[in-house]
Amino acid sequence: MLTQRKSSGFLGGLWEFPGGKRHAEESCHDACLRHIKEQLQLTIIVQKHVTQIKHAYTHFKQKMDALLCEYESGTIDLNGPVDYKWIEWNDINQFALPKSNLKFLKKCAESIG
């Protein structure tokens, strides 16, 4: 699944893997569950941690974790993203993604098989 950012603001209009910032006391697993629930109203199952990447933008650096997840329940109701798409892995190159998300692609492809 990809979600689309609002057209205004940082990285406006780009598509990305859903997620967000982790609170200091949260594991990446718990942060993933929370963000998917908050942004999409979905309950998911985290299957495994795929990789962690570091990326530097001009004014900040980020460390991001990619987790392979499975849909469990819920109906999508967007809170933050302006759109979403369930996509086939082979179609991912049709979407404009932030450079940080592009770093995940090889590891994610290996994980999916």
PDB file of N, CA and C in Angstrom:
ATOM      1  N   MET A   1       0.843  -1.176   0.000  1.00  0.00           N
ATOM      2  CA  MET A   1       0.000   0.000   0.000  1.00  0.00           C
ATOM      3  C   MET A   1       0.886   1.235   0.000  1.00  0.00           C
ATOM      4  N   LEU A   2       0.457   2.231  -0.746  1.00  0.00           N
ATOM      5  CA  LEU A   2       1.082   3.545  -0.728  1.00  0.00           C
ATOM      6  C   LEU A   2       0.030   4.576  -0.346  1.00  0.00           C
ATOM      7  N   THR A   3       0.480   5.632   0.335  1.00  0.00           N
ATOM      8  CA  THR A   3      -0.403   6.756   0.630  1.00  0.00           C
ATOM      9  C   THR A   3       0.199   8.002  -0.004  1.00  0.00           C
ATOM     10  N   GLN A   4      -0.666   8.970  -0.314  1.00  0.00           N
ATOM     11  CA  GLN A   4      -0.203  10.199  -0.949  1.00  0.00           C
ATOM     12  C   GLN A   4      -0.244  11.351   0.044  1.00  0.00           C
ATOM     13  N   ARG A   5       0.858  12.103   0.070  1.00  0.00           N
ATOM     14  CA  ARG A   5       0.959  13.276   0.940  1.00  0.00           C
ATOM     15  C   ARG A   5       0.119  14.420   0.382  1.00  0.00           C
ATOM     16  N   LYS A   6      -0.285  15.331   1.248  1.00  0.00           N
ATOM     17  CA  LYS A   6      -0.982  16.544   0.810  1.00  0.00           C
ATOM     18  C   LYS A   6      -0.098  17.289  -0.188  1.00  0.00           C
ATOM     19  N   SER A   7      -0.709  18.011  -1.118  1.00  0.00           N
ATOM     20  CA  SER A   7       0.061  18.689  -2.164  1.00  0.00           C
ATOM     21  C   SER A   7       0.899  19.845  -1.626  1.00  0.00           C
ATOM     22  N   SER A   8       0.488  20.440  -0.535  1.00  0.00           N
ATOM     23  CA  SER A   8       1.273  21.527   0.055  1.00  0.00           C
ATOM     24  C   SER A   8       2.209  20.960   1.112  1.00  0.00           C
ATOM     25  N   GLY A   9       3.295  21.666   1.357  1.00  0.00           N
ATOM     26  CA  GLY A   9       4.211  21.247   2.409  1.00  0.00           C
ATOM     27  C   GLY A   9       5.346  20.377   1.912  1.00  0.00           C
ATOM     28  N   PHE A  10       6.133  19.906   2.858  1.00  0.00           N
ATOM     29  CA  PHE A  10       7.329  19.115   2.585  1.00  0.00           C
ATOM     30  C   PHE A  10       6.972  17.840   1.825  1.00  0.00           C
ATOM     31  N   LEU A  11       7.650  17.605   0.721  1.00  0.00           N
ATOM     32  CA  LEU A  11       7.439  16.432  -0.142  1.00  0.00           C
ATOM     33  C   LEU A  11       5.991  16.332  -0.636  1.00  0.00           C
ATOM     34  N   GLY A  12       5.364  17.481  -0.823  1.00  0.00           N
ATOM     35  CA  GLY A  12       3.959  17.542  -1.207  1.00  0.00           C
ATOM     36  C   GLY A  12       3.618  16.745  -2.455  1.00  0.00           C
ATOM     37  N   GLY A  13       2.541  15.974  -2.366  1.00  0.00           N
ATOM     38  CA  GLY A  13       2.021  15.208  -3.486  1.00  0.00           C
ATOM     39  C   GLY A  13       2.701  13.877  -3.744  1.00  0.00           C
ATOM     40  N   LEU A  14       3.817  13.610  -3.074  1.00  0.00           N
ATOM     41  CA  LEU A  14       4.518  12.344  -3.298  1.00  0.00           C
ATOM     42  C   LEU A  14       3.781  11.193  -2.621  1.00  0.00           C
ATOM     43  N   TRP A  15       4.011  10.012  -3.161  1.00  0.00           N
ATOM     44  CA  TRP A  15       3.466   8.782  -2.583  1.00  0.00           C
ATOM     45  C   TRP A  15       4.512   8.203  -1.646  1.00  0.00           C
ATOM     46  N   GLU A  16       4.070   7.480  -0.631  1.00  0.00           N
ATOM     47  CA  GLU A  16       5.016   6.911   0.330  1.00  0.00           C
ATOM     48  C   GLU A  16       4.412   5.695   1.014  1.00  0.00           C
ATOM     49  N   PHE A  17       5.287   4.923   1.615  1.00  0.00           N
ATOM     50  CA  PHE A  17       4.807   3.847   2.461  1.00  0.00           C
ATOM     51  C   PHE A  17       4.180   4.496   3.690  1.00  0.00           C
ATOM     52  N   PRO A  18       3.049   3.999   4.165  1.00  0.00           N
ATOM     53  CA  PRO A  18       2.423   4.621   5.332  1.00  0.00           C
ATOM     54  C   PRO A  18       3.293   4.478   6.580  1.00  0.00           C
ATOM     55  N   GLY A  19       3.172   5.439   7.465  1.00  0.00           N
ATOM     56  CA  GLY A  19       3.931   5.412   8.711  1.00  0.00           C
ATOM     57  C   GLY A  19       4.131   6.814   9.239  1.00  0.00           C
ATOM     58  N   GLY A  20       5.068   6.957  10.151  1.00  0.00           N
ATOM     59  CA  GLY A  20       5.324   8.269  10.728  1.00  0.00           C
ATOM     60  C   GLY A  20       6.359   8.198  11.827  1.00  0.00           C
ATOM     61  N   LYS A  21       6.450   9.278  12.577  1.00  0.00           N
ATOM     62  CA  LYS A  21       7.458   9.382  13.631  1.00  0.00           C
ATOM     63  C   LYS A  21       7.143   8.459  14.801  1.00  0.00           C
ATOM     64  N   ARG A  22       8.222   7.952  15.369  1.00  0.00           N
ATOM     65  CA  ARG A  22       8.115   7.088  16.543  1.00  0.00           C
ATOM     66  C   ARG A  22       8.330   7.926  17.796  1.00  0.00           C
ATOM     67  N   HIS A  23       7.485   7.724  18.801  1.00  0.00           N
ATOM     68  CA  HIS A  23       7.692   8.376  20.095  1.00  0.00           C
ATOM     69  C   HIS A  23       8.913   7.749  20.763  1.00  0.00           C
ATOM     70  N   ALA A  24       9.566   8.507  21.621  1.00  0.00           N
ATOM     71  CA  ALA A  24      10.807   8.057  22.258  1.00  0.00           C
ATOM     72  C   ALA A  24      10.665   6.698  22.935  1.00  0.00           C
ATOM     73  N   GLU A  25       9.532   6.459  23.566  1.00  0.00           N
ATOM     74  CA  GLU A  25       9.354   5.208  24.323  1.00  0.00           C
ATOM     75  C   GLU A  25       8.807   4.061  23.472  1.00  0.00           C
ATOM     76  N   GLU A  26       8.515   4.303  22.201  1.00  0.00           N
ATOM     77  CA  GLU A  26       7.878   3.295  21.348  1.00  0.00           C
ATOM     78  C   GLU A  26       8.883   2.444  20.590  1.00  0.00           C
ATOM     79  N   SER A  27       8.547   1.195  20.400  1.00  0.00           N
ATOM     80  CA  SER A  27       9.302   0.357  19.471  1.00  0.00           C
ATOM     81  C   SER A  27       8.830   0.696  18.064  1.00  0.00           C
ATOM     82  N   CYS A  28       9.617   0.351  17.047  1.00  0.00           N
ATOM     83  CA  CYS A  28       9.169   0.618  15.674  1.00  0.00           C
ATOM     84  C   CYS A  28       7.915  -0.207  15.372  1.00  0.00           C
ATOM     85  N   HIS A  29       7.799  -1.382  15.951  1.00  0.00           N
ATOM     86  CA  HIS A  29       6.616  -2.234  15.793  1.00  0.00           C
ATOM     87  C   HIS A  29       5.365  -1.519  16.312  1.00  0.00           C
ATOM     88  N   ASP A  30       5.431  -0.989  17.540  1.00  0.00           N
ATOM     89  CA  ASP A  30       4.280  -0.298  18.131  1.00  0.00           C
ATOM     90  C   ASP A  30       3.949   0.994  17.385  1.00  0.00           C
ATOM     91  N   ALA A  31       4.982   1.716  16.947  1.00  0.00           N
ATOM     92  CA  ALA A  31       4.757   2.951  16.189  1.00  0.00           C
ATOM     93  C   ALA A  31       4.048   2.655  14.872  1.00  0.00           C
ATOM     94  N   CYS A  32       4.427   1.583  14.223  1.00  0.00           N
ATOM     95  CA  CYS A  32       3.786   1.184  12.965  1.00  0.00           C
ATOM     96  C   CYS A  32       2.308   0.884  13.187  1.00  0.00           C
ATOM     97  N   LEU A  33       2.007   0.078  14.191  1.00  0.00           N
ATOM     98  CA  LEU A  33       0.610  -0.244  14.498  1.00  0.00           C
ATOM     99  C   LEU A  33      -0.199   1.022  14.775  1.00  0.00           C
ATOM    100  N   ARG A  34       0.382   1.938  15.564  1.00  0.00           N
ATOM    101  CA  ARG A  34      -0.307   3.174  15.933  1.00  0.00           C
ATOM    102  C   ARG A  34      -0.552   4.060  14.712  1.00  0.00           C
ATOM    103  N   HIS A  35       0.465   4.253  13.891  1.00  0.00           N
ATOM    104  CA  HIS A  35       0.310   5.133  12.729  1.00  0.00           C
ATOM    105  C   HIS A  35      -0.698   4.602  11.722  1.00  0.00           C
ATOM    106  N   ILE A  36      -0.689   3.320  11.478  1.00  0.00           N
ATOM    107  CA  ILE A  36      -1.647   2.749  10.522  1.00  0.00           C
ATOM    108  C   ILE A  36      -3.067   2.911  11.059  1.00  0.00           C
ATOM    109  N   LYS A  37      -3.230   2.740  12.362  1.00  0.00           N
ATOM    110  CA  LYS A  37      -4.551   2.930  12.972  1.00  0.00           C
ATOM    111  C   LYS A  37      -4.969   4.398  12.898  1.00  0.00           C
ATOM    112  N   GLU A  38      -4.059   5.320  13.233  1.00  0.00           N
ATOM    113  CA  GLU A  38      -4.387   6.748  13.232  1.00  0.00           C
ATOM    114  C   GLU A  38      -4.644   7.294  11.827  1.00  0.00           C
ATOM    115  N   GLN A  39      -3.806   6.912  10.867  1.00  0.00           N
ATOM    116  CA  GLN A  39      -3.888   7.484   9.523  1.00  0.00           C
ATOM    117  C   GLN A  39      -4.904   6.796   8.621  1.00  0.00           C
ATOM    118  N   LEU A  40      -5.107   5.493   8.833  1.00  0.00           N
ATOM    119  CA  LEU A  40      -5.920   4.713   7.894  1.00  0.00           C
ATOM    120  C   LEU A  40      -7.086   3.985   8.542  1.00  0.00           C
ATOM    121  N   GLN A  41      -7.130   3.949   9.864  1.00  0.00           N
ATOM    122  CA  GLN A  41      -8.168   3.227  10.616  1.00  0.00           C
ATOM    123  C   GLN A  41      -8.112   1.720  10.356  1.00  0.00           C
ATOM    124  N   LEU A  42      -6.930   1.199  10.080  1.00  0.00           N
ATOM    125  CA  LEU A  42      -6.762  -0.232   9.833  1.00  0.00           C
ATOM    126  C   LEU A  42      -6.022  -0.889  10.985  1.00  0.00           C
ATOM    127  N   THR A  43      -6.330  -2.143  11.208  1.00  0.00           N
ATOM    128  CA  THR A  43      -5.565  -2.979  12.126  1.00  0.00           C
ATOM    129  C   THR A  43      -4.713  -3.894  11.259  1.00  0.00           C
ATOM    130  N   ILE A  44      -3.427  -3.959  11.588  1.00  0.00           N
ATOM    131  CA  ILE A  44      -2.495  -4.767  10.807  1.00  0.00           C
ATOM    132  C   ILE A  44      -1.742  -5.724  11.717  1.00  0.00           C
ATOM    133  N   ILE A  45      -1.084  -6.667  11.090  1.00  0.00           N
ATOM    134  CA  ILE A  45      -0.181  -7.588  11.776  1.00  0.00           C
ATOM    135  C   ILE A  45       1.215  -7.319  11.226  1.00  0.00           C
ATOM    136  N   VAL A  46       2.161  -7.005  12.102  1.00  0.00           N
ATOM    137  CA  VAL A  46       3.542  -6.821  11.668  1.00  0.00           C
ATOM    138  C   VAL A  46       4.167  -8.201  11.557  1.00  0.00           C
ATOM    139  N   GLN A  47       4.579  -8.554  10.351  1.00  0.00           N
ATOM    140  CA  GLN A  47       5.175  -9.871  10.129  1.00  0.00           C
ATOM    141  C   GLN A  47       6.657  -9.896  10.452  1.00  0.00           C
ATOM    142  N   LYS A  48       7.381  -8.853   9.977  1.00  0.00           N
ATOM    143  CA  LYS A  48       8.814  -8.821  10.285  1.00  0.00           C
ATOM    144  C   LYS A  48       9.406  -7.456   9.972  1.00  0.00           C
ATOM    145  N   HIS A  49      10.534  -7.192  10.613  1.00  0.00           N
ATOM    146  CA  HIS A  49      11.328  -5.998  10.341  1.00  0.00           C
ATOM    147  C   HIS A  49      12.166  -6.313   9.108  1.00  0.00           C
ATOM    148  N   VAL A  50      12.089  -5.466   8.089  1.00  0.00           N
ATOM    149  CA  VAL A  50      12.803  -5.719   6.836  1.00  0.00           C
ATOM    150  C   VAL A  50      14.171  -5.057   6.841  1.00  0.00           C
ATOM    151  N   THR A  51      14.218  -3.770   7.149  1.00  0.00           N
ATOM    152  CA  THR A  51      15.490  -3.051   7.125  1.00  0.00           C
ATOM    153  C   THR A  51      15.344  -1.702   7.810  1.00  0.00           C
ATOM    154  N   GLN A  52      16.472  -1.074   8.056  1.00  0.00           N
ATOM    155  CA  GLN A  52      16.494   0.299   8.550  1.00  0.00           C
ATOM    156  C   GLN A  52      17.391   1.098   7.614  1.00  0.00           C
ATOM    157  N   ILE A  53      16.962   2.293   7.256  1.00  0.00           N
ATOM    158  CA  ILE A  53      17.780   3.154   6.402  1.00  0.00           C
ATOM    159  C   ILE A  53      17.986   4.491   7.099  1.00  0.00           C
ATOM    160  N   LYS A  54      19.048   5.167   6.679  1.00  0.00           N
ATOM    161  CA  LYS A  54      19.310   6.533   7.128  1.00  0.00           C
ATOM    162  C   LYS A  54      19.281   7.407   5.886  1.00  0.00           C
ATOM    163  N   HIS A  55      18.681   8.580   6.029  1.00  0.00           N
ATOM    164  CA  HIS A  55      18.595   9.493   4.896  1.00  0.00           C
ATOM    165  C   HIS A  55      18.760  10.915   5.395  1.00  0.00           C
ATOM    166  N   ALA A  56      19.542  11.708   4.654  1.00  0.00           N
ATOM    167  CA  ALA A  56      19.764  13.107   5.015  1.00  0.00           C
ATOM    168  C   ALA A  56      19.106  14.015   3.985  1.00  0.00           C
ATOM    169  N   TYR A  57      18.190  14.842   4.458  1.00  0.00           N
ATOM    170  CA  TYR A  57      17.644  15.923   3.648  1.00  0.00           C
ATOM    171  C   TYR A  57      18.510  17.148   3.932  1.00  0.00           C
ATOM    172  N   THR A  58      18.258  18.256   3.261  1.00  0.00           N
ATOM    173  CA  THR A  58      19.120  19.428   3.454  1.00  0.00           C
ATOM    174  C   THR A  58      19.051  19.991   4.869  1.00  0.00           C
ATOM    175  N   HIS A  59      17.909  19.878   5.528  1.00  0.00           N
ATOM    176  CA  HIS A  59      17.758  20.502   6.840  1.00  0.00           C
ATOM    177  C   HIS A  59      17.511  19.524   7.988  1.00  0.00           C
ATOM    178  N   PHE A  60      17.502  18.238   7.720  1.00  0.00           N
ATOM    179  CA  PHE A  60      17.401  17.260   8.807  1.00  0.00           C
ATOM    180  C   PHE A  60      17.773  15.865   8.307  1.00  0.00           C
ATOM    181  N   LYS A  61      18.035  14.993   9.271  1.00  0.00           N
ATOM    182  CA  LYS A  61      18.352  13.596   8.971  1.00  0.00           C
ATOM    183  C   LYS A  61      17.269  12.721   9.572  1.00  0.00           C
ATOM    184  N   GLN A  62      17.036  11.577   8.945  1.00  0.00           N
ATOM    185  CA  GLN A  62      16.079  10.647   9.529  1.00  0.00           C
ATOM    186  C   GLN A  62      16.598   9.220   9.438  1.00  0.00           C
ATOM    187  N   LYS A  63      16.132   8.441  10.388  1.00  0.00           N
ATOM    188  CA  LYS A  63      16.395   7.011  10.424  1.00  0.00           C
ATOM    189  C   LYS A  63      15.024   6.358  10.327  1.00  0.00           C
ATOM    190  N   MET A  64      14.856   5.462   9.357  1.00  0.00           N
ATOM    191  CA  MET A  64      13.537   4.880   9.113  1.00  0.00           C
ATOM    192  C   MET A  64      13.619   3.357   9.087  1.00  0.00           C
ATOM    193  N   ASP A  65      12.581   2.738   9.621  1.00  0.00           N
ATOM    194  CA  ASP A  65      12.471   1.284   9.614  1.00  0.00           C
ATOM    195  C   ASP A  65      11.378   0.869   8.641  1.00  0.00           C
ATOM    196  N   ALA A  66      11.633  -0.205   7.913  1.00  0.00           N
ATOM    197  CA  ALA A  66      10.608  -0.784   7.032  1.00  0.00           C
ATOM    198  C   ALA A  66      10.166  -2.104   7.642  1.00  0.00           C
ATOM    199  N   LEU A  67       8.857  -2.261   7.784  1.00  0.00           N
ATOM    200  CA  LEU A  67       8.294  -3.487   8.334  1.00  0.00           C
ATOM    201  C   LEU A  67       7.332  -4.084   7.318  1.00  0.00           C
ATOM    202  N   LEU A  68       7.361  -5.383   7.181  1.00  0.00           N
ATOM    203  CA  LEU A  68       6.417  -6.082   6.317  1.00  0.00           C
ATOM    204  C   LEU A  68       5.174  -6.361   7.149  1.00  0.00           C
ATOM    205  N   CYS A  69       4.027  -5.878   6.672  1.00  0.00           N
ATOM    206  CA  CYS A  69       2.783  -5.974   7.435  1.00  0.00           C
ATOM    207  C   CYS A  69       1.692  -6.628   6.606  1.00  0.00           C
ATOM    208  N   GLU A  70       0.712  -7.145   7.305  1.00  0.00           N
ATOM    209  CA  GLU A  70      -0.439  -7.796   6.679  1.00  0.00           C
ATOM    210  C   GLU A  70      -1.714  -7.145   7.205  1.00  0.00           C
ATOM    211  N   TYR A  71      -2.658  -6.901   6.311  1.00  0.00           N
ATOM    212  CA  TYR A  71      -3.958  -6.352   6.689  1.00  0.00           C
ATOM    213  C   TYR A  71      -4.684  -7.360   7.573  1.00  0.00           C
ATOM    214  N   GLU A  72      -5.266  -6.874   8.673  1.00  0.00           N
ATOM    215  CA  GLU A  72      -6.070  -7.741   9.530  1.00  0.00           C
ATOM    216  C   GLU A  72      -7.547  -7.346   9.475  1.00  0.00           C
ATOM    217  N   SER A  73      -7.849  -6.057   9.708  1.00  0.00           N
ATOM    218  CA  SER A  73      -9.254  -5.640   9.702  1.00  0.00           C
ATOM    219  C   SER A  73      -9.359  -4.124   9.575  1.00  0.00           C
ATOM    220  N   GLY A  74     -10.581  -3.675   9.308  1.00  0.00           N
ATOM    221  CA  GLY A  74     -10.871  -2.251   9.248  1.00  0.00           C
ATOM    222  C   GLY A  74     -11.226  -1.796   7.849  1.00  0.00           C
ATOM    223  N   THR A  75     -11.834  -0.620   7.802  1.00  0.00           N
ATOM    224  CA  THR A  75     -12.178   0.035   6.547  1.00  0.00           C
ATOM    225  C   THR A  75     -11.416   1.344   6.492  1.00  0.00           C
ATOM    226  N   ILE A  76     -10.752   1.600   5.388  1.00  0.00           N
ATOM    227  CA  ILE A  76      -9.911   2.785   5.281  1.00  0.00           C
ATOM    228  C   ILE A  76     -10.735   4.064   5.381  1.00  0.00           C
ATOM    229  N   ASP A  77     -10.276   4.936   6.274  1.00  0.00           N
ATOM    230  CA  ASP A  77     -10.809   6.286   6.441  1.00  0.00           C
ATOM    231  C   ASP A  77      -9.579   7.164   6.659  1.00  0.00           C
ATOM    232  N   LEU A  78      -9.210   7.928   5.635  1.00  0.00           N
ATOM    233  CA  LEU A  78      -7.952   8.668   5.656  1.00  0.00           C
ATOM    234  C   LEU A  78      -7.949   9.802   6.677  1.00  0.00           C
ATOM    235  N   ASN A  79      -6.859   9.877   7.444  1.00  0.00           N
ATOM    236  CA  ASN A  79      -6.637  10.945   8.410  1.00  0.00           C
ATOM    237  C   ASN A  79      -5.189  11.402   8.250  1.00  0.00           C
ATOM    238  N   GLY A  80      -4.954  12.313   7.326  1.00  0.00           N
ATOM    239  CA  GLY A  80      -3.591  12.777   7.025  1.00  0.00           C
ATOM    240  C   GLY A  80      -3.308  12.645   5.546  1.00  0.00           C
ATOM    241  N   PRO A  81      -3.135  11.406   5.068  1.00  0.00           N
ATOM    242  CA  PRO A  81      -2.932  11.236   3.627  1.00  0.00           C
ATOM    243  C   PRO A  81      -4.178  11.665   2.851  1.00  0.00           C
ATOM    244  N   VAL A  82      -3.966  12.075   1.583  1.00  0.00           N
ATOM    245  CA  VAL A  82      -5.107  12.497   0.761  1.00  0.00           C
ATOM    246  C   VAL A  82      -5.604  11.388  -0.158  1.00  0.00           C
ATOM    247  N   ASP A  83      -4.806  10.342  -0.319  1.00  0.00           N
ATOM    248  CA  ASP A  83      -5.211   9.226  -1.170  1.00  0.00           C
ATOM    249  C   ASP A  83      -4.409   7.995  -0.765  1.00  0.00           C
ATOM    250  N   TYR A  84      -4.846   6.853  -1.232  1.00  0.00           N
ATOM    251  CA  TYR A  84      -4.119   5.609  -1.004  1.00  0.00           C
ATOM    252  C   TYR A  84      -4.329   4.702  -2.203  1.00  0.00           C
ATOM    253  N   LYS A  85      -3.420   3.761  -2.371  1.00  0.00           N
ATOM    254  CA  LYS A  85      -3.544   2.765  -3.432  1.00  0.00           C
ATOM    255  C   LYS A  85      -2.978   1.445  -2.923  1.00  0.00           C
ATOM    256  N   TRP A  86      -3.753   0.384  -3.113  1.00  0.00           N
ATOM    257  CA  TRP A  86      -3.212  -0.962  -2.950  1.00  0.00           C
ATOM    258  C   TRP A  86      -2.574  -1.268  -4.299  1.00  0.00           C
ATOM    259  N   ILE A  87      -1.309  -1.578  -4.310  1.00  0.00           N
ATOM    260  CA  ILE A  87      -0.628  -1.775  -5.587  1.00  0.00           C
ATOM    261  C   ILE A  87       0.057  -3.132  -5.638  1.00  0.00           C
ATOM    262  N   GLU A  88       0.278  -3.578  -6.853  1.00  0.00           N
ATOM    263  CA  GLU A  88       1.123  -4.748  -7.084  1.00  0.00           C
ATOM    264  C   GLU A  88       2.572  -4.269  -6.988  1.00  0.00           C
ATOM    265  N   TRP A  89       3.437  -5.092  -6.431  1.00  0.00           N
ATOM    266  CA  TRP A  89       4.831  -4.694  -6.242  1.00  0.00           C
ATOM    267  C   TRP A  89       5.465  -4.257  -7.563  1.00  0.00           C
ATOM    268  N   ASN A  90       5.150  -4.927  -8.653  1.00  0.00           N
ATOM    269  CA  ASN A  90       5.746  -4.596  -9.949  1.00  0.00           C
ATOM    270  C   ASN A  90       5.317  -3.226 -10.469  1.00  0.00           C
ATOM    271  N   ASP A  91       4.290  -2.623  -9.902  1.00  0.00           N
ATOM    272  CA  ASP A  91       3.795  -1.314 -10.347  1.00  0.00           C
ATOM    273  C   ASP A  91       4.354  -0.143  -9.545  1.00  0.00           C
ATOM    274  N   ILE A  92       5.211  -0.409  -8.587  1.00  0.00           N
ATOM    275  CA  ILE A  92       5.660   0.649  -7.674  1.00  0.00           C
ATOM    276  C   ILE A  92       6.424   1.758  -8.390  1.00  0.00           C
ATOM    277  N   ASN A  93       7.097   1.432  -9.494  1.00  0.00           N
ATOM    278  CA  ASN A  93       7.868   2.447 -10.219  1.00  0.00           C
ATOM    279  C   ASN A  93       6.989   3.474 -10.925  1.00  0.00           C
ATOM    280  N   GLN A  94       5.689   3.265 -10.947  1.00  0.00           N
ATOM    281  CA  GLN A  94       4.763   4.219 -11.560  1.00  0.00           C
ATOM    282  C   GLN A  94       4.421   5.379 -10.621  1.00  0.00           C
ATOM    283  N   PHE A  95       4.921   5.340  -9.395  1.00  0.00           N
ATOM    284  CA  PHE A  95       4.585   6.339  -8.389  1.00  0.00           C
ATOM    285  C   PHE A  95       5.820   7.148  -8.003  1.00  0.00           C
ATOM    286  N   ALA A  96       5.630   8.463  -7.836  1.00  0.00           N
ATOM    287  CA  ALA A  96       6.710   9.340  -7.383  1.00  0.00           C
ATOM    288  C   ALA A  96       6.857   9.185  -5.873  1.00  0.00           C
ATOM    289  N   LEU A  97       8.007   8.654  -5.450  1.00  0.00           N
ATOM    290  CA  LEU A  97       8.277   8.393  -4.034  1.00  0.00           C
ATOM    291  C   LEU A  97       9.410   9.288  -3.536  1.00  0.00           C
ATOM    292  N   PRO A  98       9.411   9.650  -2.260  1.00  0.00           N
ATOM    293  CA  PRO A  98      10.555  10.376  -1.697  1.00  0.00           C
ATOM    294  C   PRO A  98      11.815   9.507  -1.784  1.00  0.00           C
ATOM    295  N   LYS A  99      12.973  10.153  -1.868  1.00  0.00           N
ATOM    296  CA  LYS A  99      14.237   9.413  -1.965  1.00  0.00           C
ATOM    297  C   LYS A  99      14.418   8.448  -0.799  1.00  0.00           C
ATOM    298  N   SER A 100      13.969   8.844   0.379  1.00  0.00           N
ATOM    299  CA  SER A 100      14.115   7.955   1.538  1.00  0.00           C
ATOM    300  C   SER A 100      13.350   6.648   1.320  1.00  0.00           C
ATOM    301  N   ASN A 101      12.171   6.711   0.737  1.00  0.00           N
ATOM    302  CA  ASN A 101      11.386   5.498   0.472  1.00  0.00           C
ATOM    303  C   ASN A 101      12.028   4.658  -0.622  1.00  0.00           C
ATOM    304  N   LEU A 102      12.676   5.313  -1.594  1.00  0.00           N
ATOM    305  CA  LEU A 102      13.346   4.572  -2.665  1.00  0.00           C
ATOM    306  C   LEU A 102      14.455   3.681  -2.111  1.00  0.00           C
ATOM    307  N   LYS A 103      15.075   4.107  -1.026  1.00  0.00           N
ATOM    308  CA  LYS A 103      16.138   3.307  -0.412  1.00  0.00           C
ATOM    309  C   LYS A 103      15.611   1.976   0.127  1.00  0.00           C
ATOM    310  N   PHE A 104      14.339   1.926   0.466  1.00  0.00           N
ATOM    311  CA  PHE A 104      13.738   0.695   0.978  1.00  0.00           C
ATOM    312  C   PHE A 104      13.501  -0.351  -0.106  1.00  0.00           C
ATOM    313  N   LEU A 105      13.323   0.084  -1.334  1.00  0.00           N
ATOM    314  CA  LEU A 105      12.771  -0.785  -2.370  1.00  0.00           C
ATOM    315  C   LEU A 105      13.526  -2.094  -2.572  1.00  0.00           C
ATOM    316  N   LYS A 106      14.852  -2.041  -2.656  1.00  0.00           N
ATOM    317  CA  LYS A 106      15.618  -3.268  -2.895  1.00  0.00           C
ATOM    318  C   LYS A 106      15.420  -4.264  -1.755  1.00  0.00           C
ATOM    319  N   LYS A 107      15.552  -3.802  -0.522  1.00  0.00           N
ATOM    320  CA  LYS A 107      15.383  -4.695   0.633  1.00  0.00           C
ATOM    321  C   LYS A 107      13.962  -5.236   0.716  1.00  0.00           C
ATOM    322  N   CYS A 108      12.987  -4.384   0.423  1.00  0.00           N
ATOM    323  CA  CYS A 108      11.592  -4.837   0.451  1.00  0.00           C
ATOM    324  C   CYS A 108      11.347  -5.882  -0.627  1.00  0.00           C
ATOM    325  N   ALA A 109      11.883  -5.661  -1.813  1.00  0.00           N
ATOM    326  CA  ALA A 109      11.715  -6.621  -2.910  1.00  0.00           C
ATOM    327  C   ALA A 109      12.313  -7.972  -2.530  1.00  0.00           C
ATOM    328  N   GLU A 110      13.475  -7.959  -1.900  1.00  0.00           N
ATOM    329  CA  GLU A 110      14.108  -9.206  -1.458  1.00  0.00           C
ATOM    330  C   GLU A 110      13.249  -9.904  -0.411  1.00  0.00           C
ATOM    331  N   SER A 111      12.649  -9.136   0.472  1.00  0.00           N
ATOM    332  CA  SER A 111      11.840  -9.694   1.550  1.00  0.00           C
ATOM    333  C   SER A 111      10.547 -10.310   1.035  1.00  0.00           C
ATOM    334  N   ILE A 112       9.956  -9.656   0.030  1.00  0.00           N
ATOM    335  CA  ILE A 112       8.700 -10.148  -0.531  1.00  0.00           C
ATOM    336  C   ILE A 112       8.936 -11.395  -1.371  1.00  0.00           C
ATOM    337  N   GLY A 113      10.111 -11.444  -2.005  1.00  0.00           N
ATOM    338  CA  GLY A 113      10.463 -12.629  -2.792  1.00  0.00           C
ATOM    339  C   GLY A 113      10.019 -12.466  -4.184  1.00  0.00           C
TER     340      GLY A 113
END
